[in-house]
Each structure stands twice: as C-alpha cells, then as structure tokens.
C-alpha cells in the first residue's frame, strides 16, 4: 500500500469522500497533526492488509520515513487524533489500526454525532482514550484496545 504523511490539520469537507485503500499507511507528523472529517471517510482494510494510522517516528510501520536512521522512536501523543465530525454520516473504519496518538490527552479517534461503523479496529498506545464518542449512533464491534489511557469514553450533550 501507499504511505501518506500528514502535517497540520487536513480536512475532508462536507459533501466529499476520502477513500483510503487496504494496506495504506498514514503517518502523522507532530503533536498538532490530525485528520478532520466533515464529509465521509471510507477506511476499509482487508484481513491481510490493515490500514495503519501512526506516528511519523514509527519505523516499525513502513520503515524510516523521517530519515533519522532509527534515532527516534514513537511515543504516546506523537500526533493528535482522527476526528469524525458532524457530516461524517456513512463513514466506515474497518480493519484499521491507530497507534501513538492522543497528544495532550486527546483520544486516538473522536466520533461527534455521526452514524458510522467502527469494526475490527485496533487502538494502541493512546495518550488518552482509544475512542471517544459524543452520543454518536456509531456501531463499534470487535475492536481491541491496548495501552490506551482507557478504551472508550462517552460524552453526553448538555
């Protein structure tokens, strides 16, 4: 699969769809790096080719993309989060892996009210929760959480 490096805060605007192919590697560079989705995200890996979202410093995923010869290593909070915001209805995260995010205690993935599916995903080494849901009608099934501050948090509207 292809490797993509994200810096800053790229967005998928309302009405647009971003499809990430099986086997793709998304490396996020910096504690403010995040992907914000207000349209639709289809990140659907396969049983043999997961889609991985991880730190730019994670050489175990796709090699040494920061070119430092292995001098750096990934850590919790290396990047911020993946946010599925209002308008992300119909999005799907299937067979994805999220590693080393959650800068400043943020969750690896935040789901604001959106009707979407999160299935067979792995959440690893998050500085905050693996998954944070804001009263979202999301279907979360067969996910694994390891070494996150907590697996899932729910935030109810006031």
C-alpha atoms as a PDB file:
ATOM      1  CA  UNK A   1       0.000   0.000   0.000  1.00  0.00           C
ATOM      2  CA  UNK A   2       0.877   3.661  -0.231  1.00  0.00           C
ATOM      3  CA  UNK A   3       2.322   5.776   2.576  1.00  0.00           C
ATOM      4  CA  UNK A   4       0.871   9.219   3.293  1.00  0.00           C
ATOM      5  CA  UNK A   5       2.425  11.779   5.650  1.00  0.00           C
ATOM      6  CA  UNK A   6       0.022  14.274   7.213  1.00  0.00           C
ATOM      7  CA  UNK A   7       1.137  17.520   8.789  1.00  0.00           C
ATOM      8  CA  UNK A   8      -1.143  20.157  10.267  1.00  0.00           C
ATOM      9  CA  UNK A   9      -4.886  19.560  10.043  1.00  0.00           C
ATOM     10  CA  UNK A  10      -6.061  18.386   6.631  1.00  0.00           C
ATOM     11  CA  UNK A  11      -9.859  18.194   6.300  1.00  0.00           C
ATOM     12  CA  UNK A  12     -12.390  16.218   4.346  1.00  0.00           C
ATOM     13  CA  UNK A  13     -15.099  18.841   3.771  1.00  0.00           C
ATOM     14  CA  UNK A  14     -18.842  18.204   3.913  1.00  0.00           C
ATOM     15  CA  UNK A  15     -20.116  16.528   0.776  1.00  0.00           C
ATOM     16  CA  UNK A  16     -16.723  14.989  -0.093  1.00  0.00           C
ATOM     17  CA  UNK A  17     -15.498  11.391   0.386  1.00  0.00           C
ATOM     18  CA  UNK A  18     -11.969  10.241   1.178  1.00  0.00           C
ATOM     19  CA  UNK A  19     -11.319   6.565   0.475  1.00  0.00           C
ATOM     20  CA  UNK A  20      -8.181   5.002   1.939  1.00  0.00           C
ATOM     21  CA  UNK A  21      -7.181   1.725   0.310  1.00  0.00           C
ATOM     22  CA  UNK A  22      -6.283  -1.509   2.158  1.00  0.00           C
ATOM     23  CA  UNK A  23      -2.617  -1.626   3.156  1.00  0.00           C
ATOM     24  CA  UNK A  24      -2.245   2.160   3.253  1.00  0.00           C
ATOM     25  CA  UNK A  25      -0.032   3.700   5.916  1.00  0.00           C
ATOM     26  CA  UNK A  26      -0.918   7.162   7.241  1.00  0.00           C
ATOM     27  CA  UNK A  27       1.883   8.740   9.282  1.00  0.00           C
ATOM     28  CA  UNK A  28       1.040  11.874  11.244  1.00  0.00           C
ATOM     29  CA  UNK A  29       3.894  14.273  11.937  1.00  0.00           C
ATOM     30  CA  UNK A  30       3.673  16.422  15.059  1.00  0.00           C
ATOM     31  CA  UNK A  31       1.555  16.841  18.164  1.00  0.00           C
ATOM     32  CA  UNK A  32      -0.931  19.063  16.287  1.00  0.00           C
ATOM     33  CA  UNK A  33      -1.221  16.702  13.298  1.00  0.00           C
ATOM     34  CA  UNK A  34      -4.725  15.363  12.798  1.00  0.00           C
ATOM     35  CA  UNK A  35      -7.267  14.429  10.176  1.00  0.00           C
ATOM     36  CA  UNK A  36     -10.663  16.112  10.473  1.00  0.00           C
ATOM     37  CA  UNK A  37     -13.557  14.580   8.563  1.00  0.00           C
ATOM     38  CA  UNK A  38     -16.774  16.519   7.955  1.00  0.00           C
ATOM     39  CA  UNK A  39     -17.660  14.547   4.846  1.00  0.00           C
ATOM     40  CA  UNK A  40     -17.290  10.795   4.551  1.00  0.00           C
ATOM     41  CA  UNK A  41     -14.237   8.642   5.302  1.00  0.00           C
ATOM     42  CA  UNK A  42     -14.063   5.105   3.974  1.00  0.00           C
ATOM     43  CA  UNK A  43     -11.025   3.449   5.562  1.00  0.00           C
ATOM     44  CA  UNK A  44     -11.702  -0.207   4.912  1.00  0.00           C
ATOM     45  CA  UNK A  45      -8.754  -2.546   5.243  1.00  0.00           C
ATOM     46  CA  UNK A  46      -8.732  -6.236   4.433  1.00  0.00           C
ATOM     47  CA  UNK A  47      -7.979  -9.289   6.543  1.00  0.00           C
ATOM     48  CA  UNK A  48      -4.410  -9.293   5.177  1.00  0.00           C
ATOM     49  CA  UNK A  49      -3.888  -5.542   4.692  1.00  0.00           C
ATOM     50  CA  UNK A  50      -4.924  -3.281   7.559  1.00  0.00           C
ATOM     51  CA  UNK A  51      -4.893   0.495   7.232  1.00  0.00           C
ATOM     52  CA  UNK A  52      -2.480   1.941   9.815  1.00  0.00           C
ATOM     53  CA  UNK A  53      -2.582   5.461  11.295  1.00  0.00           C
ATOM     54  CA  UNK A  54       0.587   6.047  13.313  1.00  0.00           C
ATOM     55  CA  UNK A  55       3.393   8.373  14.331  1.00  0.00           C
ATOM     56  CA  UNK A  56       5.825   9.697  11.755  1.00  0.00           C
ATOM     57  CA  UNK A  57       8.522   8.296  14.082  1.00  0.00           C
ATOM     58  CA  UNK A  58       7.122   4.737  13.993  1.00  0.00           C
ATOM     59  CA  UNK A  59       9.751   2.895  11.936  1.00  0.00           C
ATOM     60  CA  UNK A  60       8.019  -0.449  12.602  1.00  0.00           C
ATOM     61  CA  UNK A  61       5.299   0.644  10.175  1.00  0.00           C
ATOM     62  CA  UNK A  62       6.663   1.017   6.666  1.00  0.00           C
ATOM     63  CA  UNK A  63      10.217   1.967   7.598  1.00  0.00           C
ATOM     64  CA  UNK A  64      12.149   5.113   8.467  1.00  0.00           C
ATOM     65  CA  UNK A  65      10.119   7.887   6.840  1.00  0.00           C
ATOM     66  CA  UNK A  66      11.658  10.650   8.940  1.00  0.00           C
ATOM     67  CA  UNK A  67      15.120   9.647   7.727  1.00  0.00           C
ATOM     68  CA  UNK A  68      16.839   9.691  11.105  1.00  0.00           C
ATOM     69  CA  UNK A  69      18.249   6.177  10.867  1.00  0.00           C
ATOM     70  CA  UNK A  70      16.173   4.946  13.782  1.00  0.00           C
ATOM     71  CA  UNK A  71      17.409   7.624  16.203  1.00  0.00           C
ATOM     72  CA  UNK A  72      13.831   8.460  17.206  1.00  0.00           C
ATOM     73  CA  UNK A  73      11.097   6.156  18.406  1.00  0.00           C
ATOM     74  CA  UNK A  74       7.332   6.610  18.612  1.00  0.00           C
ATOM     75  CA  UNK A  75       5.542   7.518  21.809  1.00  0.00           C
ATOM     76  CA  UNK A  76       2.059   8.146  23.094  1.00  0.00           C
ATOM     77  CA  UNK A  77       0.796  11.527  21.986  1.00  0.00           C
ATOM     78  CA  UNK A  78       3.077  11.922  18.951  1.00  0.00           C
ATOM     79  CA  UNK A  79       0.053  13.123  16.942  1.00  0.00           C
ATOM     80  CA  UNK A  80      -3.356  14.479  17.878  1.00  0.00           C
ATOM     81  CA  UNK A  81      -6.350  12.490  16.558  1.00  0.00           C
ATOM     82  CA  UNK A  82      -8.665  11.411  13.798  1.00  0.00           C
ATOM     83  CA  UNK A  83     -11.942  13.317  14.194  1.00  0.00           C
ATOM     84  CA  UNK A  84     -15.173  12.250  12.530  1.00  0.00           C
ATOM     85  CA  UNK A  85     -17.332  15.334  12.943  1.00  0.00           C
ATOM     86  CA  UNK A  86     -20.827  16.447  12.044  1.00  0.00           C
ATOM     87  CA  UNK A  87     -21.481  15.389   8.479  1.00  0.00           C
ATOM     88  CA  UNK A  88     -19.401  12.201   8.669  1.00  0.00           C
ATOM     89  CA  UNK A  89     -22.514  10.027   8.384  1.00  0.00           C
ATOM     90  CA  UNK A  90     -21.907   6.902   6.368  1.00  0.00           C
ATOM     91  CA  UNK A  91     -18.204   6.781   7.246  1.00  0.00           C
ATOM     92  CA  UNK A  92     -16.602   3.423   7.984  1.00  0.00           C
ATOM     93  CA  UNK A  93     -13.432   2.392   9.811  1.00  0.00           C
ATOM     94  CA  UNK A  94     -12.885  -1.334   9.279  1.00  0.00           C
ATOM     95  CA  UNK A  95      -9.711  -3.280   9.954  1.00  0.00           C
ATOM     96  CA  UNK A  96      -7.740  -0.143  10.839  1.00  0.00           C
ATOM     97  CA  UNK A  97      -5.016   0.304  13.435  1.00  0.00           C
ATOM     98  CA  UNK A  98      -4.426   3.531  15.350  1.00  0.00           C
ATOM     99  CA  UNK A  99      -1.091   3.942  17.187  1.00  0.00           C
ATOM    100  CA  UNK A 100       0.742   6.556  19.270  1.00  0.00           C
ATOM    101  CA  UNK A 101      -1.781   9.404  19.023  1.00  0.00           C
ATOM    102  CA  UNK A 102      -3.651  11.412  21.618  1.00  0.00           C
ATOM    103  CA  UNK A 103      -1.397  14.441  22.139  1.00  0.00           C
ATOM    104  CA  UNK A 104      -2.376  16.429  25.247  1.00  0.00           C
ATOM    105  CA  UNK A 105      -4.558  13.518  26.418  1.00  0.00           C
ATOM    106  CA  UNK A 106      -6.825  13.581  23.362  1.00  0.00           C
ATOM    107  CA  UNK A 107      -8.392  10.320  22.165  1.00  0.00           C
ATOM    108  CA  UNK A 108      -6.950   8.473  19.164  1.00  0.00           C
ATOM    109  CA  UNK A 109     -10.328   8.722  17.398  1.00  0.00           C
ATOM    110  CA  UNK A 110     -13.183  11.122  18.185  1.00  0.00           C
ATOM    111  CA  UNK A 111     -16.687  10.497  16.862  1.00  0.00           C
ATOM    112  CA  UNK A 112     -19.004  13.523  17.065  1.00  0.00           C
ATOM    113  CA  UNK A 113     -22.671  12.847  16.182  1.00  0.00           C
ATOM    114  CA  UNK A 114     -22.320  10.694  13.122  1.00  0.00           C
ATOM    115  CA  UNK A 115     -23.949   7.473  12.027  1.00  0.00           C
ATOM    116  CA  UNK A 116     -20.961   5.299  11.171  1.00  0.00           C
ATOM    117  CA  UNK A 117     -19.280   1.941  11.650  1.00  0.00           C
ATOM    118  CA  UNK A 118     -16.078   1.117  13.572  1.00  0.00           C
ATOM    119  CA  UNK A 119     -15.317  -2.604  13.221  1.00  0.00           C
ATOM    120  CA  UNK A 120     -12.344  -4.885  13.759  1.00  0.00           C
ATOM    121  CA  UNK A 121     -10.057  -1.955  14.626  1.00  0.00           C
ATOM    122  CA  UNK A 122      -7.068  -1.898  16.968  1.00  0.00           C
ATOM    123  CA  UNK A 123      -6.254   1.089  19.197  1.00  0.00           C
ATOM    124  CA  UNK A 124      -2.700   1.069  20.636  1.00  0.00           C
ATOM    125  CA  UNK A 125      -0.540   3.346  22.783  1.00  0.00           C
ATOM    126  CA  UNK A 126      -3.009   6.241  23.058  1.00  0.00           C
ATOM    127  CA  UNK A 127      -2.220   9.054  25.485  1.00  0.00           C
ATOM    128  CA  UNK A 128      -5.984   9.429  26.012  1.00  0.00           C
ATOM    129  CA  UNK A 129      -8.921   7.153  25.254  1.00  0.00           C
ATOM    130  CA  UNK A 130      -8.756   4.863  22.271  1.00  0.00           C
ATOM    131  CA  UNK A 131     -12.170   6.031  21.094  1.00  0.00           C
ATOM    132  CA  UNK A 132     -14.270   8.971  22.246  1.00  0.00           C
ATOM    133  CA  UNK A 133     -17.930   9.152  21.272  1.00  0.00           C
ATOM    134  CA  UNK A 134     -20.226  12.161  21.604  1.00  0.00           C
ATOM    135  CA  UNK A 135     -23.608  10.411  21.801  1.00  0.00           C
ATOM    136  CA  UNK A 136     -22.907   9.093  18.347  1.00  0.00           C
ATOM    137  CA  UNK A 137     -25.048   6.257  16.990  1.00  0.00           C
ATOM    138  CA  UNK A 138     -21.880   4.500  15.889  1.00  0.00           C
ATOM    139  CA  UNK A 139     -21.710   0.732  15.621  1.00  0.00           C
ATOM    140  CA  UNK A 140     -18.495  -0.308  17.405  1.00  0.00           C
ATOM    141  CA  UNK A 141     -17.804  -4.018  17.042  1.00  0.00           C
ATOM    142  CA  UNK A 142     -14.896  -6.408  17.583  1.00  0.00           C
ATOM    143  CA  UNK A 143     -12.353  -3.691  18.415  1.00  0.00           C
ATOM    144  CA  UNK A 144      -9.237  -4.214  20.536  1.00  0.00           C
ATOM    145  CA  UNK A 145      -7.808  -1.584  22.879  1.00  0.00           C
ATOM    146  CA  UNK A 146      -4.305  -1.887  24.325  1.00  0.00           C
ATOM    147  CA  UNK A 147      -2.147   0.545  26.283  1.00  0.00           C
ATOM    148  CA  UNK A 148      -4.558   3.465  25.959  1.00  0.00           C
ATOM    149  CA  UNK A 149      -5.447   5.596  28.978  1.00  0.00           C
ATOM    150  CA  UNK A 150      -8.893   3.993  28.705  1.00  0.00           C
ATOM    151  CA  UNK A 151     -10.663   2.140  25.892  1.00  0.00           C
ATOM    152  CA  UNK A 152     -13.830   4.144  25.140  1.00  0.00           C
ATOM    153  CA  UNK A 153     -15.273   7.324  26.637  1.00  0.00           C
ATOM    154  CA  UNK A 154     -18.744   8.679  26.015  1.00  0.00           C
ATOM    155  CA  UNK A 155     -19.503  12.375  26.246  1.00  0.00           C
ATOM    156  CA  UNK A 156     -23.182  13.217  26.669  1.00  0.00           C
ATOM    157  CA  UNK A 157     -24.552  16.528  25.383  1.00  0.00           C
ATOM    158  CA  UNK A 158     -25.544  19.116  27.966  1.00  0.00           C
END
